[in-house]
């Protein structure tokens, strides 16, 4: 059995849902199909939640009505028979009645999570209705019946596996299962989610839970490219890469893949394929355990970075200095992306500024602190990049015209990361693309 995940753009139009139908009915292998919300829906639901949070019920109502109108235009183009259209109309009516009821209830975070769940529930129910109309046998699975997270918002993989295996065993003759990405239940049995981009995470978790033959991530581009095609004109898809390479690229800005979606598949050695819904015959990108290529393979960039320079004149003799520094970041649950050290200073980068003021206040009790905002991490990734002759020198030479704030190298042999002011991002990516790849 394999997993096939389709993103919002892949199901965002009626004709694209029909393309997805064609893809999932190819071949004889059983499959679990994971769907995102229709493109634009999650953004609309976020705006509804924000309006309710600010007590602007008129704006929330307007956003609900706009989204409702979109779905009322969508389903007649998706379905042909009167019976199927009536069912779709009832599905849509039910979910938007729920959203309208929330206008009369005091808003809280649990309600907001309920709001955000509506997108995936709508897309999967409408798609399942399409399959029913076409008499394509398929089982509708609610992610709430098996997808769960613990009190730390971490997926409970063993529980997911146990529950899924019981459910699948109840349908021994079925070969197509439809479920939702992103949504789950938390440790309080409340509706929750895996955060933005979480449908990829769902697919990888399900693949790991059932030890699938493959986890296919279908999007609107033909695999992971070796640079950002929105910024750099000349890019190309990467045919193969290792789990470690893909994880580095996803974490440091490659938008095609959710950063957390690699490790579950990697744990159980499930190959991940990045494929294009609009060009299904394209090779795409295969991510697997071992890839034998040497040298620089791809570049990604992560914006919204703040660099913090922490300096102590007594650092060399203060054996607990680094421990004290990291304990502060741990206390405020703020991950660090990059780190460099010298005898008297340490520099780190973060992208979560929620607790920056508290962090700076505590650090300033035993050292001096400087911050640089609006920074970008550029990550250069390749299998065995540290053993590729001249690779590091080529990176440095390519950036000779741009001030480099930090360089991180050696922590991973798949990654060289540099920190630059975000205003140099475009030029730096273009220079690296020209110098590091042979065209």
Protein backbone atom coordinates (compact mmCIF):
# COMPACT_ATOMS: atom_id res chain seq x y z
CA UNK A 1 0.00 0.00 0.00
CA UNK A 2 1.26 3.49 -0.83
CA UNK A 3 0.34 7.01 0.31
CA UNK A 4 -0.67 9.72 -2.17
CA UNK A 5 -0.90 13.25 -0.81
CA UNK A 6 -2.37 16.09 -2.89
CA UNK A 7 -1.90 19.73 -1.94
CA UNK A 8 -4.31 22.63 -2.16
CA UNK A 9 -3.48 23.60 -5.73
CA UNK A 10 -3.94 19.98 -6.82
CA UNK A 11 -7.55 20.01 -5.60
CA UNK A 12 -8.22 23.74 -5.89
CA UNK A 13 -10.25 23.55 -9.10
CA UNK A 14 -12.94 21.08 -10.18
CA UNK A 15 -10.91 19.96 -13.20
CA UNK A 16 -7.90 19.32 -10.98
CA UNK A 17 -9.95 17.15 -8.66
CA UNK A 18 -10.79 15.11 -11.75
CA UNK A 19 -7.06 14.85 -12.49
CA UNK A 20 -6.51 13.56 -8.96
CA UNK A 21 -9.27 11.01 -9.54
CA UNK A 22 -7.44 9.80 -12.65
CA UNK A 23 -4.15 9.51 -10.75
CA UNK A 24 -5.47 7.54 -7.80
CA UNK A 25 -7.27 5.03 -10.04
CA UNK A 26 -4.13 4.13 -11.97
CA UNK A 27 -2.55 0.78 -11.16
CA UNK A 28 -3.65 -2.00 -8.84
CA UNK A 29 -1.76 -1.04 -5.66
CA UNK A 30 -3.89 -0.08 -2.65
CA UNK A 31 -3.50 3.52 -1.54
CA UNK A 32 -4.42 5.99 1.17
CA UNK A 33 -5.13 9.39 -0.39
CA UNK A 34 -4.40 12.40 1.82
CA UNK A 35 -5.97 15.70 0.73
CA UNK A 36 -5.30 19.28 1.75
CA UNK A 37 -7.98 21.97 1.78
CA UNK A 38 -8.83 23.65 -1.51
CA UNK A 39 -6.25 26.34 -2.30
CA UNK A 40 -7.06 29.59 -0.52
CA UNK A 41 -9.43 27.97 1.96
CA UNK A 42 -7.05 27.78 4.91
CA UNK A 43 -6.08 31.44 4.46
CA UNK A 44 -9.79 32.36 4.47
CA UNK A 45 -10.39 30.30 7.61
CA UNK A 46 -7.41 31.96 9.30
CA UNK A 47 -8.88 35.38 8.49
CA UNK A 48 -12.26 34.29 9.92
CA UNK A 49 -10.56 33.23 13.14
CA UNK A 50 -8.60 36.47 13.33
CA UNK A 51 -11.79 38.51 12.85
CA UNK A 52 -13.54 36.57 15.61
CA UNK A 53 -10.52 36.91 17.90
CA UNK A 54 -10.70 40.70 17.51
CA UNK A 55 -14.50 40.62 18.08
CA UNK A 56 -15.19 41.90 14.57
CA UNK A 57 -18.16 39.65 13.87
CA UNK A 58 -19.26 41.67 10.86
CA UNK A 59 -15.93 41.03 9.15
CA UNK A 60 -16.02 37.36 10.16
CA UNK A 61 -19.51 37.04 8.68
CA UNK A 62 -18.38 38.66 5.44
CA UNK A 63 -15.41 36.25 5.19
CA UNK A 64 -17.68 33.26 5.86
CA UNK A 65 -20.12 34.38 3.16
CA UNK A 66 -17.29 34.90 0.64
CA UNK A 67 -15.94 31.41 1.25
CA UNK A 68 -19.44 29.92 1.15
CA UNK A 69 -20.03 31.55 -2.25
CA UNK A 70 -16.79 30.03 -3.55
CA UNK A 71 -17.88 26.51 -2.60
CA UNK A 72 -21.35 27.07 -4.05
CA UNK A 73 -19.66 27.89 -7.36
CA UNK A 74 -17.24 24.96 -7.04
CA UNK A 75 -19.48 21.93 -6.60
CA UNK A 76 -21.73 22.35 -9.71
CA UNK A 77 -18.59 22.32 -11.85
CA UNK A 78 -17.24 19.26 -10.04
CA UNK A 79 -20.34 17.06 -10.19
CA UNK A 80 -22.85 16.28 -12.93
CA UNK A 81 -25.70 14.26 -11.47
CA UNK A 82 -28.49 15.89 -9.50
CA UNK A 83 -28.09 13.37 -6.68
CA UNK A 84 -24.37 14.08 -6.26
CA UNK A 85 -24.96 17.83 -6.41
CA UNK A 86 -27.63 17.60 -3.73
CA UNK A 87 -25.26 15.66 -1.49
CA UNK A 88 -22.48 18.21 -2.04
CA UNK A 89 -24.87 21.04 -1.30
CA UNK A 90 -25.80 19.41 2.01
CA UNK A 91 -22.13 18.91 2.90
CA UNK A 92 -21.36 22.56 2.24
CA UNK A 93 -24.49 23.73 4.05
CA UNK A 94 -23.57 21.71 7.15
CA UNK A 95 -20.05 23.12 7.42
CA UNK A 96 -21.06 26.73 6.83
CA UNK A 97 -23.92 26.47 9.30
CA UNK A 98 -21.27 25.40 11.80
CA UNK A 99 -19.11 28.43 10.97
CA UNK A 100 -22.09 30.76 11.31
CA UNK A 101 -22.99 29.29 14.70
CA UNK A 102 -19.53 30.30 15.91
CA UNK A 103 -20.50 33.94 15.39
CA UNK A 104 -22.76 33.58 18.43
CA UNK A 105 -20.19 31.87 20.69
CA UNK A 106 -17.35 33.34 22.73
CA UNK A 107 -14.14 32.84 20.79
CA UNK A 108 -11.24 30.79 22.15
CA UNK A 109 -8.29 28.84 20.77
CA UNK A 110 -10.23 25.55 20.69
CA UNK A 111 -12.86 27.19 18.48
CA UNK A 112 -10.14 28.52 16.24
CA UNK A 113 -8.81 25.00 15.73
CA UNK A 114 -12.35 23.86 14.87
CA UNK A 115 -12.51 26.62 12.26
CA UNK A 116 -9.22 25.60 10.68
CA UNK A 117 -10.33 21.97 10.40
CA UNK A 118 -13.22 22.77 8.08
CA UNK A 119 -11.07 23.06 4.93
CA UNK A 120 -9.78 19.49 4.87
CA UNK A 121 -13.16 18.08 5.89
CA UNK A 122 -14.83 19.89 2.99
CA UNK A 123 -12.26 18.89 0.36
CA UNK A 124 -12.28 15.20 1.29
CA UNK A 125 -16.07 14.96 1.50
CA UNK A 126 -16.52 16.65 -1.87
CA UNK A 127 -13.86 14.43 -3.45
CA UNK A 128 -15.44 11.32 -1.98
CA UNK A 129 -18.78 12.45 -3.42
CA UNK A 130 -17.12 12.70 -6.85
CA UNK A 131 -15.84 9.13 -6.54
CA UNK A 132 -19.29 7.93 -5.51
CA UNK A 133 -20.85 9.63 -8.50
CA UNK A 134 -18.36 7.90 -10.80
CA UNK A 135 -18.96 4.57 -9.00
CA UNK A 136 -15.32 4.32 -7.93
CA UNK A 137 -15.21 2.33 -4.67
CA UNK A 138 -13.46 4.27 -1.92
CA UNK A 139 -13.56 4.34 1.89
CA UNK A 140 -13.83 7.70 3.65
CA UNK A 141 -11.54 7.83 6.70
CA UNK A 142 -11.78 10.55 9.32
CA UNK A 143 -8.32 11.60 10.45
CA UNK A 144 -9.86 12.22 13.86
CA UNK A 145 -10.20 8.43 14.25
CA UNK A 146 -6.46 7.76 14.10
CA UNK A 147 -4.29 10.90 13.91
CA UNK A 148 -3.28 12.16 17.36
CA UNK A 149 -0.71 14.32 19.11
CA UNK A 150 0.49 14.32 22.71
CA UNK A 151 0.63 17.15 25.25
CA UNK A 152 3.78 18.47 23.56
CA UNK A 153 2.05 18.53 20.15
CA UNK A 154 4.18 15.61 18.99
CA UNK A 155 2.51 12.91 16.84
CA UNK A 156 1.84 9.64 18.65
CA UNK A 157 3.18 7.37 15.93
CA UNK A 158 2.58 4.06 17.70
CA UNK A 159 -1.03 4.97 18.50
CA UNK A 160 -1.55 6.15 14.93
CA UNK A 161 -0.18 2.86 13.64
CA UNK A 162 -2.31 0.73 15.98
CA UNK A 163 -5.52 2.57 15.15
CA UNK A 164 -4.89 2.62 11.40
CA UNK A 165 -4.17 -1.08 11.23
CA UNK A 166 -7.45 -1.86 12.98
CA UNK A 167 -9.37 0.40 10.61
CA UNK A 168 -7.74 -1.01 7.47
CA UNK A 169 -8.35 -4.55 8.65
CA UNK A 170 -12.08 -3.77 8.62
CA UNK A 171 -11.89 -3.14 4.84
CA UNK A 172 -9.86 -6.07 3.45
CA UNK A 173 -11.30 -5.82 -0.06
CA UNK A 174 -11.04 -2.03 -0.50
CA UNK A 175 -8.10 -0.46 -2.29
CA UNK A 176 -8.73 3.31 -2.08
CA UNK A 177 -9.01 5.23 1.19
CA UNK A 178 -9.61 9.01 1.40
CA UNK A 179 -8.53 11.02 4.44
CA UNK A 180 -7.57 14.50 5.55
CA UNK A 181 -4.16 16.00 5.98
CA UNK A 182 -3.31 18.57 8.67
CA UNK A 183 -6.08 17.82 11.20
CA UNK A 184 -5.86 15.57 14.26
CA UNK A 185 -6.97 15.15 17.86
CA UNK A 186 -4.85 16.29 20.79
CA UNK A 187 -4.26 14.65 24.19
CA UNK A 188 -7.52 16.19 25.47
CA UNK A 189 -9.41 14.63 22.54
CA UNK A 190 -10.01 18.09 21.11
CA UNK A 191 -9.77 19.03 17.44
CA UNK A 192 -6.22 20.14 16.70
CA UNK A 193 -3.78 20.27 13.79
CA UNK A 194 -0.19 19.70 12.69
CA UNK A 195 0.32 23.41 11.85
CA UNK A 196 0.58 25.00 8.41
CA UNK A 197 1.87 22.62 5.75
CA UNK A 198 0.88 19.72 7.98
CA UNK A 199 -0.70 17.66 5.20
CA UNK A 200 2.79 16.58 4.12
CA UNK A 201 3.43 15.63 7.73
CA UNK A 202 0.21 13.60 7.83
CA UNK A 203 1.21 11.71 4.69
CA UNK A 204 4.65 10.85 6.06
CA UNK A 205 3.23 9.80 9.43
CA UNK A 206 0.67 7.53 7.77
CA UNK A 207 3.38 6.09 5.52
CA UNK A 208 5.51 5.31 8.56
CA UNK A 209 2.54 3.97 10.53
CA UNK A 210 1.67 1.34 7.91
CA UNK A 211 5.23 1.01 6.53
CA UNK A 212 4.01 1.94 3.06
CA UNK A 213 5.85 1.10 -0.14
CA UNK A 214 6.09 4.81 -0.99
CA UNK A 215 4.88 8.24 0.11
CA UNK A 216 3.98 10.36 -2.91
CA UNK A 217 3.66 14.13 -2.42
CA UNK A 218 1.79 15.62 -5.39
CA UNK A 219 2.07 19.38 -5.93
CA UNK A 220 2.03 21.82 -8.85
CA UNK A 221 5.76 21.70 -9.67
CA UNK A 222 7.90 18.87 -10.99
CA UNK A 223 9.91 17.97 -7.91
CA UNK A 224 12.32 19.83 -5.65
CA UNK A 225 14.46 22.29 -7.61
CA UNK A 226 18.10 23.06 -7.02
CA UNK A 227 17.26 26.69 -6.24
CA UNK A 228 14.19 28.85 -5.69
CA UNK A 229 12.50 29.16 -9.13
CA UNK A 230 10.61 32.23 -7.92
CA UNK A 231 13.90 34.11 -7.54
CA UNK A 232 16.41 32.39 -9.82
CA UNK A 233 15.58 32.08 -13.52
CA UNK A 234 17.58 28.98 -14.33
CA UNK A 235 16.75 26.05 -12.04
CA UNK A 236 16.16 22.35 -12.54
CA UNK A 237 14.45 19.56 -10.62
CA UNK A 238 16.66 17.19 -8.62
CA UNK A 239 16.22 13.58 -9.70
CA UNK A 240 17.35 11.95 -6.43
CA UNK A 241 18.40 13.06 -2.98
CA UNK A 242 18.93 11.53 0.43
CA UNK A 243 16.62 11.91 3.41
CA UNK A 244 19.25 14.04 5.14
CA UNK A 245 19.61 16.37 2.17
CA UNK A 246 15.85 16.76 1.82
CA UNK A 247 15.44 17.44 5.53
CA UNK A 248 18.06 20.20 5.42
CA UNK A 249 16.45 21.84 2.40
CA UNK A 250 12.93 21.63 3.81
CA UNK A 251 13.99 23.12 7.13
CA UNK A 252 15.92 25.93 5.49
CA UNK A 253 13.24 27.13 3.12
CA UNK A 254 12.38 24.72 0.29
CA UNK A 255 8.62 25.36 0.07
CA UNK A 256 7.66 22.13 -1.68
CA UNK A 257 8.08 20.03 1.48
CA UNK A 258 7.04 20.53 5.10
CA UNK A 259 10.17 20.54 7.32
CA UNK A 260 8.86 17.82 9.65
CA UNK A 261 7.69 15.49 6.90
CA UNK A 262 10.96 13.65 6.32
CA UNK A 263 11.73 11.99 9.64
CA UNK A 264 8.73 9.61 9.88
CA UNK A 265 9.39 8.19 6.42
CA UNK A 266 13.12 8.11 7.13
CA UNK A 267 12.59 6.13 10.36
CA UNK A 268 10.97 3.29 8.39
CA UNK A 269 12.89 3.81 5.15
CA UNK A 270 9.80 4.67 3.11
CA UNK A 271 10.83 6.36 -0.17
CA UNK A 272 9.28 9.81 -0.68
CA UNK A 273 8.43 10.96 -4.20
CA UNK A 274 7.75 14.60 -5.08
CA UNK A 275 5.52 14.63 -8.17
CA UNK A 276 3.58 17.11 -10.32
CA UNK A 277 -0.20 16.71 -10.55
CA UNK A 278 -0.25 18.74 -13.75
CA UNK A 279 2.60 16.76 -15.33
CA UNK A 280 2.17 13.26 -13.87
CA UNK A 281 4.65 11.67 -16.28
CA UNK A 282 7.49 13.92 -15.13
CA UNK A 283 10.20 12.12 -13.14
CA UNK A 284 9.96 14.43 -10.13
CA UNK A 285 12.27 13.92 -7.15
CA UNK A 286 12.91 10.63 -5.35
CA UNK A 287 14.04 10.90 -1.72
CA UNK A 288 15.57 7.77 -0.24
CA UNK A 289 18.16 6.58 2.24
CA UNK A 290 21.29 6.37 0.11
CA UNK A 291 22.24 8.54 -2.84
CA UNK A 292 25.73 8.21 -4.26
CA UNK A 293 26.18 11.65 -5.81
CA UNK A 294 28.94 13.98 -4.60
CA UNK A 295 28.97 17.76 -4.42
CA UNK A 296 26.55 20.65 -4.16
CA UNK A 297 23.01 19.61 -5.03
CA UNK A 298 20.65 22.42 -4.07
CA UNK A 299 20.24 25.78 -2.37
CA UNK A 300 17.43 27.05 -0.15
CA UNK A 301 16.82 30.26 1.75
CA UNK A 302 14.99 30.97 4.99
CA UNK A 303 13.83 34.52 5.70
CA UNK A 304 12.71 36.25 8.87
CA UNK A 305 15.89 35.44 10.79
CA UNK A 306 17.24 37.40 13.75
CA UNK A 307 20.91 37.03 14.74
CA UNK A 308 21.89 37.40 18.39
CA UNK A 309 25.51 38.04 19.34
CA UNK A 310 26.21 37.14 22.98
CA UNK A 311 29.54 38.36 24.35
CA UNK A 312 31.32 37.85 27.65
CA UNK A 313 34.87 38.96 28.39
CA UNK A 314 35.13 36.04 30.83
CA UNK A 315 33.74 33.39 28.52
CA UNK A 316 37.04 31.57 28.15
CA UNK A 317 37.15 30.89 31.90
CA UNK A 318 33.38 30.55 32.52
CA UNK A 319 32.83 26.85 32.01
CA UNK A 320 29.05 27.03 32.38
CA UNK A 321 28.58 29.92 29.99
CA UNK A 322 27.16 28.06 26.99
CA UNK A 323 24.93 25.96 29.20
CA UNK A 324 23.45 29.12 30.75
CA UNK A 325 22.87 30.59 27.29
CA UNK A 326 21.09 27.54 25.89
CA UNK A 327 19.02 27.05 29.01
CA UNK A 328 17.43 30.45 28.40
CA UNK A 329 16.40 29.52 24.85
CA UNK A 330 15.12 26.18 26.12
CA UNK A 331 13.12 27.90 28.86
CA UNK A 332 11.25 29.93 26.25
CA UNK A 333 10.99 27.03 23.78
CA UNK A 334 12.81 28.99 21.08
CA UNK A 335 14.74 26.84 18.58
CA UNK A 336 18.16 27.95 17.34
CA UNK A 337 18.94 27.57 13.63
CA UNK A 338 22.64 28.46 13.41
CA UNK A 339 25.42 28.83 15.95
CA UNK A 340 29.02 30.03 15.77
CA UNK A 341 31.45 30.51 18.64
CA UNK A 342 34.72 32.23 19.49
CA UNK A 343 36.69 32.54 22.72
CA UNK A 344 34.65 35.50 23.96
CA UNK A 345 31.36 35.34 22.05
CA UNK A 346 28.68 33.12 20.62
CA UNK A 347 26.26 34.06 17.82
CA UNK A 348 22.96 32.29 17.27
CA UNK A 349 20.00 32.78 14.95
CA UNK A 350 16.29 32.34 15.63
CA UNK A 351 13.12 32.77 13.59
CA UNK A 352 10.61 32.70 16.45
CA UNK A 353 10.55 36.15 18.07
CA UNK A 354 7.65 35.45 20.44
CA UNK A 355 9.85 35.62 23.53
CA UNK A 356 12.76 37.68 22.23
CA UNK A 357 12.36 40.46 24.81
CA UNK A 358 12.44 37.97 27.70
CA UNK A 359 15.42 36.14 26.21
CA UNK A 360 17.40 39.37 25.79
CA UNK A 361 16.52 40.49 29.31
CA UNK A 362 17.83 37.27 30.87
CA UNK A 363 20.95 37.15 28.69
CA UNK A 364 21.84 40.73 29.60
CA UNK A 365 22.21 39.75 33.27
CA UNK A 366 25.56 38.06 32.57
CA UNK A 367 26.73 39.25 29.10
CA UNK A 368 26.33 41.94 26.48
CA UNK A 369 23.91 41.31 23.63
CA UNK A 370 23.60 42.67 20.08
CA UNK A 371 20.90 41.74 17.55
CA UNK A 372 20.63 41.97 13.77
CA UNK A 373 17.13 41.70 12.32
CA UNK A 374 15.90 41.00 8.78
CA UNK A 375 18.50 38.33 8.05
CA UNK A 376 18.33 35.35 5.66
CA UNK A 377 19.93 31.93 6.07
CA UNK A 378 21.14 30.50 2.76
CA UNK A 379 21.63 26.77 2.97
CA UNK A 380 23.86 24.97 0.43
CA UNK A 381 23.15 21.24 0.51
CA UNK A 382 24.75 18.21 -1.05
CA UNK A 383 25.57 14.63 -0.20
CA UNK A 384 29.10 14.60 1.27
CA UNK A 385 29.41 18.31 0.42
CA UNK A 386 32.25 18.65 2.94
CA UNK A 387 34.26 16.09 0.99
CA UNK A 388 33.63 17.65 -2.39
CA UNK A 389 36.88 19.25 -3.51
CA UNK A 390 36.59 23.02 -3.73
CA UNK A 391 32.88 23.16 -2.80
CA UNK A 392 33.38 25.34 0.27
CA UNK A 393 35.75 27.67 -1.50
CA UNK A 394 33.24 28.05 -4.33
CA UNK A 395 30.56 29.07 -1.85
CA UNK A 396 32.77 31.71 -0.26
CA UNK A 397 33.96 33.00 -3.65
CA UNK A 398 30.37 33.33 -4.89
CA UNK A 399 29.48 35.56 -1.94
CA UNK A 400 32.61 37.71 -2.00
CA UNK A 401 30.59 40.83 -2.90
CA UNK A 402 28.06 40.44 -0.11
CA UNK A 403 28.60 40.91 3.65
CA UNK A 404 28.31 37.51 5.33
CA UNK A 405 27.18 37.74 8.96
CA UNK A 406 27.76 34.08 9.94
CA UNK A 407 29.01 30.82 8.42
CA UNK A 408 28.06 27.40 9.79
CA UNK A 409 29.97 24.38 8.50
CA UNK A 410 30.92 21.03 9.96
CA UNK A 411 27.85 20.27 12.04
CA UNK A 412 26.48 18.34 9.08
CA UNK A 413 28.38 17.07 6.08
CA UNK A 414 25.28 17.75 4.00
CA UNK A 415 25.02 21.46 4.73
CA UNK A 416 26.91 24.73 4.58
CA UNK A 417 24.85 27.66 5.85
CA UNK A 418 25.58 31.36 5.58
CA UNK A 419 23.73 34.31 7.05
CA UNK A 420 23.28 37.48 5.01
CA UNK A 421 21.17 40.60 5.26
CA UNK A 422 17.86 39.87 3.53
CA UNK A 423 18.36 42.75 1.13
CA UNK A 424 21.19 40.71 -0.49
CA UNK A 425 19.19 37.47 -0.71
CA UNK A 426 18.19 37.64 -4.38
CA UNK A 427 21.64 38.58 -5.66
CA UNK A 428 23.33 36.00 -3.41
CA UNK A 429 21.07 33.18 -4.63
CA UNK A 430 21.66 34.14 -8.25
CA UNK A 431 25.43 34.30 -7.76
CA UNK A 432 25.52 30.91 -6.06
CA UNK A 433 23.34 29.41 -8.77
CA UNK A 434 25.67 30.64 -11.46
CA UNK A 435 28.87 29.54 -9.76
CA UNK A 436 27.92 26.22 -8.15
CA UNK A 437 26.01 24.49 -10.91
CA UNK A 438 27.19 23.41 -14.34
CA UNK A 439 24.72 24.25 -17.09
